[in-house]
């Protein structure tokens, strides 16, 4: 006895896109929250500049100050002017590449957030 299966590809594609959007937004915000303890707070503006932003192909977590890249990478692009962390102007866990530090601690949780939110969005 033959079986015929029909699929509404447009509906399936829309559900997958909703899941992707929901997961991307949730993970970007979770990365932002989990990275905060690792962001240097010399003047407070760097931490406050963090945002989860929608891009053309998904979401990104960004910090937008004139010195964010310098603080994140720990030096100027030519390798000079190396960042030093002073206890009087940073939080106890502050470091360069704070997203990577947060990923080491919370990366497995980010995957769970992505899976859970994708499933919710794809319903």
N, C-alpha and C. Protein backbone atom coordinates (compact mmCIF):
# COMPACT_ATOMS: atom_id res chain seq x y z
N UNK A 1 0.85 -1.17 0.00
CA UNK A 1 0.00 0.00 0.00
C UNK A 1 0.90 1.24 0.00
N UNK A 2 0.86 2.09 -1.02
CA UNK A 2 1.70 3.30 -1.09
C UNK A 2 1.21 4.37 -0.10
N UNK A 3 2.14 5.14 0.38
CA UNK A 3 1.86 6.25 1.29
C UNK A 3 2.34 7.53 0.63
N UNK A 4 1.51 8.54 0.65
CA UNK A 4 1.87 9.83 0.10
C UNK A 4 1.97 10.84 1.25
N UNK A 5 3.09 11.53 1.29
CA UNK A 5 3.30 12.55 2.32
C UNK A 5 3.39 13.90 1.64
N UNK A 6 2.59 14.83 2.12
CA UNK A 6 2.64 16.19 1.59
C UNK A 6 3.09 17.12 2.70
N UNK A 7 3.88 18.08 2.32
CA UNK A 7 4.43 19.00 3.31
C UNK A 7 4.22 20.43 2.83
N UNK A 8 3.80 21.28 3.75
CA UNK A 8 3.66 22.70 3.46
C UNK A 8 5.01 23.35 3.76
N UNK A 9 5.86 23.45 2.77
CA UNK A 9 7.22 23.95 2.97
C UNK A 9 7.24 25.40 3.42
N UNK A 10 6.34 26.21 2.94
CA UNK A 10 6.30 27.62 3.35
C UNK A 10 5.99 27.73 4.85
N UNK A 11 5.04 26.92 5.31
CA UNK A 11 4.69 26.92 6.74
C UNK A 11 5.86 26.43 7.58
N UNK A 12 6.50 25.35 7.15
CA UNK A 12 7.65 24.81 7.87
C UNK A 12 8.80 25.82 7.91
N UNK A 13 9.05 26.46 6.79
CA UNK A 13 10.12 27.46 6.71
C UNK A 13 9.83 28.64 7.65
N UNK A 14 8.59 29.08 7.70
CA UNK A 14 8.21 30.19 8.59
C UNK A 14 8.40 29.80 10.05
N UNK A 15 8.04 28.57 10.40
CA UNK A 15 8.22 28.11 11.78
C UNK A 15 9.70 28.06 12.14
N UNK A 16 10.53 27.57 11.24
CA UNK A 16 11.96 27.49 11.51
C UNK A 16 12.56 28.90 11.66
N UNK A 17 12.10 29.83 10.84
CA UNK A 17 12.59 31.21 10.92
C UNK A 17 12.19 31.84 12.25
N UNK A 18 10.96 31.60 12.71
CA UNK A 18 10.52 32.11 14.02
C UNK A 18 11.39 31.53 15.14
N UNK A 19 11.68 30.25 15.05
CA UNK A 19 12.54 29.61 16.05
C UNK A 19 13.93 30.20 16.06
N UNK A 20 14.47 30.42 14.87
CA UNK A 20 15.82 31.01 14.75
C UNK A 20 15.85 32.41 15.35
N UNK A 21 14.84 33.21 15.05
CA UNK A 21 14.76 34.59 15.58
C UNK A 21 14.69 34.58 17.10
N UNK A 22 13.80 33.75 17.63
CA UNK A 22 13.61 33.70 19.08
C UNK A 22 14.89 33.23 19.77
N UNK A 23 15.53 32.22 19.23
CA UNK A 23 16.77 31.70 19.82
C UNK A 23 17.89 32.72 19.74
N UNK A 24 18.03 33.37 18.60
CA UNK A 24 19.09 34.36 18.43
C UNK A 24 18.96 35.52 19.40
N UNK A 25 17.73 36.01 19.56
CA UNK A 25 17.49 37.11 20.48
C UNK A 25 17.78 36.70 21.92
N UNK A 26 17.32 35.53 22.31
CA UNK A 26 17.51 35.05 23.69
C UNK A 26 18.99 34.82 24.00
N UNK A 27 19.71 34.21 23.08
CA UNK A 27 21.13 33.93 23.32
C UNK A 27 21.94 35.23 23.37
N UNK A 28 21.67 36.17 22.47
CA UNK A 28 22.40 37.44 22.49
C UNK A 28 22.19 38.15 23.83
N UNK A 29 20.97 38.15 24.34
CA UNK A 29 20.70 38.78 25.63
C UNK A 29 21.33 38.01 26.78
N UNK A 30 21.37 36.69 26.69
CA UNK A 30 22.00 35.89 27.75
C UNK A 30 23.51 36.12 27.77
N UNK A 31 24.11 36.22 26.60
CA UNK A 31 25.55 36.52 26.51
C UNK A 31 25.82 37.88 27.13
N UNK A 32 24.99 38.85 26.84
CA UNK A 32 25.15 40.18 27.42
C UNK A 32 25.10 40.12 28.94
N UNK A 33 24.11 39.46 29.48
CA UNK A 33 23.95 39.37 30.94
C UNK A 33 25.10 38.60 31.59
N UNK A 34 25.49 37.48 30.99
CA UNK A 34 26.54 36.65 31.58
C UNK A 34 27.93 37.27 31.44
N UNK A 35 28.12 38.16 30.47
CA UNK A 35 29.42 38.79 30.26
C UNK A 35 29.65 39.98 31.19
N UNK A 36 28.59 40.57 31.70
CA UNK A 36 28.72 41.78 32.53
C UNK A 36 29.74 41.66 33.66
N UNK A 37 29.80 40.55 34.40
CA UNK A 37 30.78 40.47 35.49
C UNK A 37 32.24 40.52 35.02
N UNK A 38 32.47 40.32 33.74
CA UNK A 38 33.83 40.27 33.21
C UNK A 38 34.24 41.56 32.49
N UNK A 39 33.31 42.51 32.35
CA UNK A 39 33.57 43.76 31.63
C UNK A 39 34.27 44.76 32.56
N UNK A 40 35.39 45.33 32.12
CA UNK A 40 36.03 46.37 32.93
C UNK A 40 35.08 47.56 33.11
N UNK A 41 35.12 48.13 34.30
CA UNK A 41 34.21 49.24 34.59
C UNK A 41 34.97 50.52 34.95
N UNK A 42 35.99 50.83 34.24
CA UNK A 42 36.80 51.99 34.58
C UNK A 42 35.95 53.25 34.73
N UNK A 43 35.05 53.48 33.82
CA UNK A 43 34.18 54.65 33.90
C UNK A 43 32.71 54.26 33.89
N UNK A 44 32.41 53.00 33.81
CA UNK A 44 31.03 52.55 33.79
C UNK A 44 30.36 52.61 32.44
N UNK A 45 30.89 53.40 31.52
CA UNK A 45 30.22 53.54 30.24
C UNK A 45 30.40 52.32 29.34
N UNK A 46 31.51 51.61 29.49
CA UNK A 46 31.73 50.42 28.66
C UNK A 46 30.66 49.38 28.95
N UNK A 47 30.47 49.05 30.20
CA UNK A 47 29.47 48.06 30.57
C UNK A 47 28.08 48.50 30.13
N UNK A 48 27.77 49.77 30.33
CA UNK A 48 26.45 50.30 29.98
C UNK A 48 26.21 50.33 28.47
N UNK A 49 27.27 50.29 27.67
CA UNK A 49 27.11 50.36 26.22
C UNK A 49 26.75 49.02 25.59
N UNK A 50 26.74 47.94 26.38
CA UNK A 50 26.44 46.61 25.83
C UNK A 50 25.01 46.52 25.34
N UNK A 51 24.83 45.90 24.18
CA UNK A 51 23.52 45.76 23.56
C UNK A 51 23.42 44.43 22.81
N UNK A 52 22.22 43.88 22.78
CA UNK A 52 21.92 42.77 21.87
C UNK A 52 21.25 43.42 20.66
N UNK A 53 21.87 43.31 19.51
CA UNK A 53 21.39 44.00 18.32
C UNK A 53 20.98 43.03 17.22
N UNK A 54 19.93 43.40 16.51
CA UNK A 54 19.49 42.62 15.36
C UNK A 54 20.30 43.03 14.16
N UNK A 55 20.88 42.04 13.50
CA UNK A 55 21.62 42.26 12.26
C UNK A 55 20.83 41.65 11.11
N UNK A 56 21.32 41.80 9.91
CA UNK A 56 20.63 41.25 8.74
C UNK A 56 20.53 39.73 8.80
N UNK A 57 21.53 39.09 9.40
CA UNK A 57 21.55 37.62 9.41
C UNK A 57 21.41 37.01 10.81
N UNK A 58 20.93 37.77 11.77
CA UNK A 58 20.75 37.24 13.12
C UNK A 58 20.93 38.31 14.17
N UNK A 59 21.46 37.92 15.31
CA UNK A 59 21.68 38.85 16.42
C UNK A 59 23.14 38.84 16.82
N UNK A 60 23.58 39.94 17.42
CA UNK A 60 24.94 40.05 17.93
C UNK A 60 24.90 40.79 19.26
N UNK A 61 25.87 40.51 20.09
CA UNK A 61 26.04 41.26 21.32
C UNK A 61 27.22 42.19 21.09
N UNK A 62 27.00 43.49 21.30
CA UNK A 62 28.03 44.47 21.02
C UNK A 62 28.21 45.43 22.19
N UNK A 63 29.41 45.99 22.29
CA UNK A 63 29.70 47.07 23.21
C UNK A 63 30.20 48.21 22.35
N UNK A 64 29.55 49.36 22.46
CA UNK A 64 29.81 50.45 21.53
C UNK A 64 30.30 51.69 22.26
N UNK A 65 31.58 51.74 22.52
CA UNK A 65 32.23 52.96 23.01
C UNK A 65 33.49 53.13 22.20
N UNK A 66 34.08 54.30 22.28
CA UNK A 66 35.28 54.56 21.49
C UNK A 66 36.43 53.66 21.89
N UNK A 67 36.42 53.14 23.10
CA UNK A 67 37.53 52.31 23.55
C UNK A 67 37.15 50.85 23.78
N UNK A 68 35.98 50.42 23.33
CA UNK A 68 35.53 49.04 23.56
C UNK A 68 36.49 48.02 22.93
N UNK A 69 36.88 48.22 21.70
CA UNK A 69 37.78 47.25 21.03
C UNK A 69 39.14 47.22 21.73
N UNK A 70 39.63 48.38 22.13
CA UNK A 70 40.90 48.46 22.85
C UNK A 70 40.83 47.65 24.14
N UNK A 71 39.76 47.82 24.90
CA UNK A 71 39.59 47.08 26.14
C UNK A 71 39.40 45.58 25.87
N UNK A 72 38.62 45.25 24.84
CA UNK A 72 38.33 43.84 24.56
C UNK A 72 39.58 43.07 24.12
N UNK A 73 40.33 43.65 23.21
CA UNK A 73 41.51 42.95 22.69
C UNK A 73 42.76 43.18 23.52
N UNK A 74 42.72 44.16 24.42
CA UNK A 74 43.82 44.36 25.35
C UNK A 74 44.97 45.20 24.84
N UNK A 75 44.83 45.77 23.64
CA UNK A 75 45.87 46.64 23.10
C UNK A 75 45.33 47.35 21.87
N UNK A 76 46.11 48.29 21.37
CA UNK A 76 45.76 48.92 20.12
C UNK A 76 45.99 47.93 18.98
N UNK A 77 45.38 48.16 17.80
CA UNK A 77 45.54 47.21 16.69
C UNK A 77 46.99 46.91 16.31
N UNK A 78 47.90 47.86 16.55
CA UNK A 78 49.31 47.60 16.19
C UNK A 78 50.07 46.85 17.29
N UNK A 79 49.34 46.46 18.38
CA UNK A 79 49.96 45.71 19.47
C UNK A 79 50.55 46.58 20.56
N UNK A 80 50.52 47.87 20.38
CA UNK A 80 51.07 48.76 21.40
C UNK A 80 49.99 49.13 22.42
N UNK A 81 50.39 49.85 23.44
CA UNK A 81 49.48 50.34 24.48
C UNK A 81 48.66 49.21 25.09
N UNK A 82 49.32 48.28 25.71
CA UNK A 82 48.69 47.12 26.31
C UNK A 82 47.84 47.54 27.51
N UNK A 83 46.65 46.99 27.58
CA UNK A 83 45.73 47.28 28.68
C UNK A 83 46.24 46.64 29.96
N UNK A 84 46.20 47.39 31.04
CA UNK A 84 46.49 46.82 32.35
C UNK A 84 45.25 46.98 33.21
N UNK A 85 44.94 45.95 33.96
CA UNK A 85 43.77 45.99 34.82
C UNK A 85 44.20 46.44 36.21
N UNK A 86 43.64 47.54 36.66
CA UNK A 86 43.94 48.06 38.00
C UNK A 86 42.76 47.76 38.91
N UNK A 87 43.02 47.23 40.07
CA UNK A 87 41.95 46.85 40.99
C UNK A 87 41.05 48.02 41.38
N UNK A 88 41.56 49.23 41.35
CA UNK A 88 40.73 50.36 41.78
C UNK A 88 39.70 50.78 40.74
N UNK A 89 39.84 50.34 39.50
CA UNK A 89 38.91 50.83 38.49
C UNK A 89 38.17 49.72 37.74
N UNK A 90 38.23 48.50 38.24
CA UNK A 90 37.54 47.40 37.58
C UNK A 90 36.84 46.53 38.61
N UNK A 91 35.98 45.68 38.15
CA UNK A 91 35.38 44.70 39.06
C UNK A 91 36.37 43.55 39.25
N UNK A 92 36.11 42.72 40.22
CA UNK A 92 37.06 41.66 40.59
C UNK A 92 37.32 40.64 39.48
N UNK A 93 36.34 40.39 38.59
CA UNK A 93 36.50 39.37 37.56
C UNK A 93 36.79 39.96 36.18
N UNK A 94 37.00 41.26 36.10
CA UNK A 94 37.20 41.92 34.80
C UNK A 94 38.40 41.37 34.06
N UNK A 95 38.26 41.30 32.76
CA UNK A 95 39.33 40.79 31.91
C UNK A 95 39.13 41.31 30.49
N UNK A 96 40.15 41.16 29.67
CA UNK A 96 39.97 41.41 28.25
C UNK A 96 39.19 40.21 27.70
N UNK A 97 38.66 40.33 26.53
CA UNK A 97 37.89 39.27 25.87
C UNK A 97 36.86 38.67 26.82
N UNK A 98 36.05 39.55 27.39
CA UNK A 98 35.09 39.15 28.41
C UNK A 98 34.03 38.18 27.93
N UNK A 99 33.70 38.19 26.66
CA UNK A 99 32.73 37.22 26.15
C UNK A 99 33.32 35.81 26.20
N UNK A 100 34.59 35.69 25.87
CA UNK A 100 35.25 34.38 25.93
C UNK A 100 35.34 33.89 27.37
N UNK A 101 35.58 34.79 28.30
CA UNK A 101 35.61 34.41 29.72
C UNK A 101 34.23 33.92 30.16
N UNK A 102 33.19 34.62 29.72
CA UNK A 102 31.82 34.21 30.06
C UNK A 102 31.47 32.88 29.38
N UNK A 103 31.94 32.69 28.15
CA UNK A 103 31.66 31.44 27.44
C UNK A 103 32.26 30.24 28.18
N UNK A 104 33.45 30.42 28.74
CA UNK A 104 34.09 29.34 29.48
C UNK A 104 33.24 28.90 30.68
N UNK A 105 32.53 29.85 31.27
CA UNK A 105 31.71 29.56 32.44
C UNK A 105 30.29 29.14 32.04
N UNK A 106 29.71 29.83 31.07
CA UNK A 106 28.28 29.69 30.77
C UNK A 106 27.95 29.10 29.40
N UNK A 107 28.96 28.72 28.62
CA UNK A 107 28.72 28.27 27.25
C UNK A 107 27.70 27.15 27.11
N UNK A 108 27.73 26.18 28.00
CA UNK A 108 26.76 25.08 27.95
C UNK A 108 25.34 25.60 28.19
N UNK A 109 25.22 26.57 29.08
CA UNK A 109 23.91 27.17 29.35
C UNK A 109 23.39 27.90 28.12
N UNK A 110 24.28 28.56 27.37
CA UNK A 110 23.86 29.28 26.17
C UNK A 110 23.28 28.32 25.14
N UNK A 111 23.87 27.14 25.03
CA UNK A 111 23.33 26.14 24.10
C UNK A 111 21.94 25.70 24.53
N UNK A 112 21.73 25.54 25.83
CA UNK A 112 20.41 25.14 26.33
C UNK A 112 19.39 26.24 26.09
N UNK A 113 19.78 27.49 26.29
CA UNK A 113 18.89 28.62 26.01
C UNK A 113 18.50 28.62 24.53
N UNK A 114 19.47 28.42 23.65
CA UNK A 114 19.21 28.41 22.21
C UNK A 114 18.22 27.30 21.85
N UNK A 115 18.45 26.10 22.36
CA UNK A 115 17.58 24.97 22.05
C UNK A 115 16.16 25.21 22.55
N UNK A 116 16.05 25.65 23.80
CA UNK A 116 14.73 25.88 24.41
C UNK A 116 13.95 26.96 23.63
N UNK A 117 14.62 28.07 23.34
CA UNK A 117 13.93 29.17 22.67
C UNK A 117 13.62 28.85 21.23
N UNK A 118 14.50 28.09 20.55
CA UNK A 118 14.19 27.67 19.18
C UNK A 118 12.93 26.82 19.16
N UNK A 119 12.84 25.88 20.09
CA UNK A 119 11.68 25.01 20.15
C UNK A 119 10.41 25.81 20.43
N UNK A 120 10.49 26.78 21.33
CA UNK A 120 9.32 27.64 21.61
C UNK A 120 8.90 28.41 20.37
N UNK A 121 9.88 29.00 19.70
CA UNK A 121 9.57 29.81 18.52
C UNK A 121 9.07 29.02 17.34
N UNK A 122 9.47 27.77 17.23
CA UNK A 122 9.10 26.95 16.08
C UNK A 122 7.74 26.26 16.25
N UNK A 123 7.12 26.45 17.38
CA UNK A 123 5.80 25.82 17.59
C UNK A 123 4.75 26.42 16.72
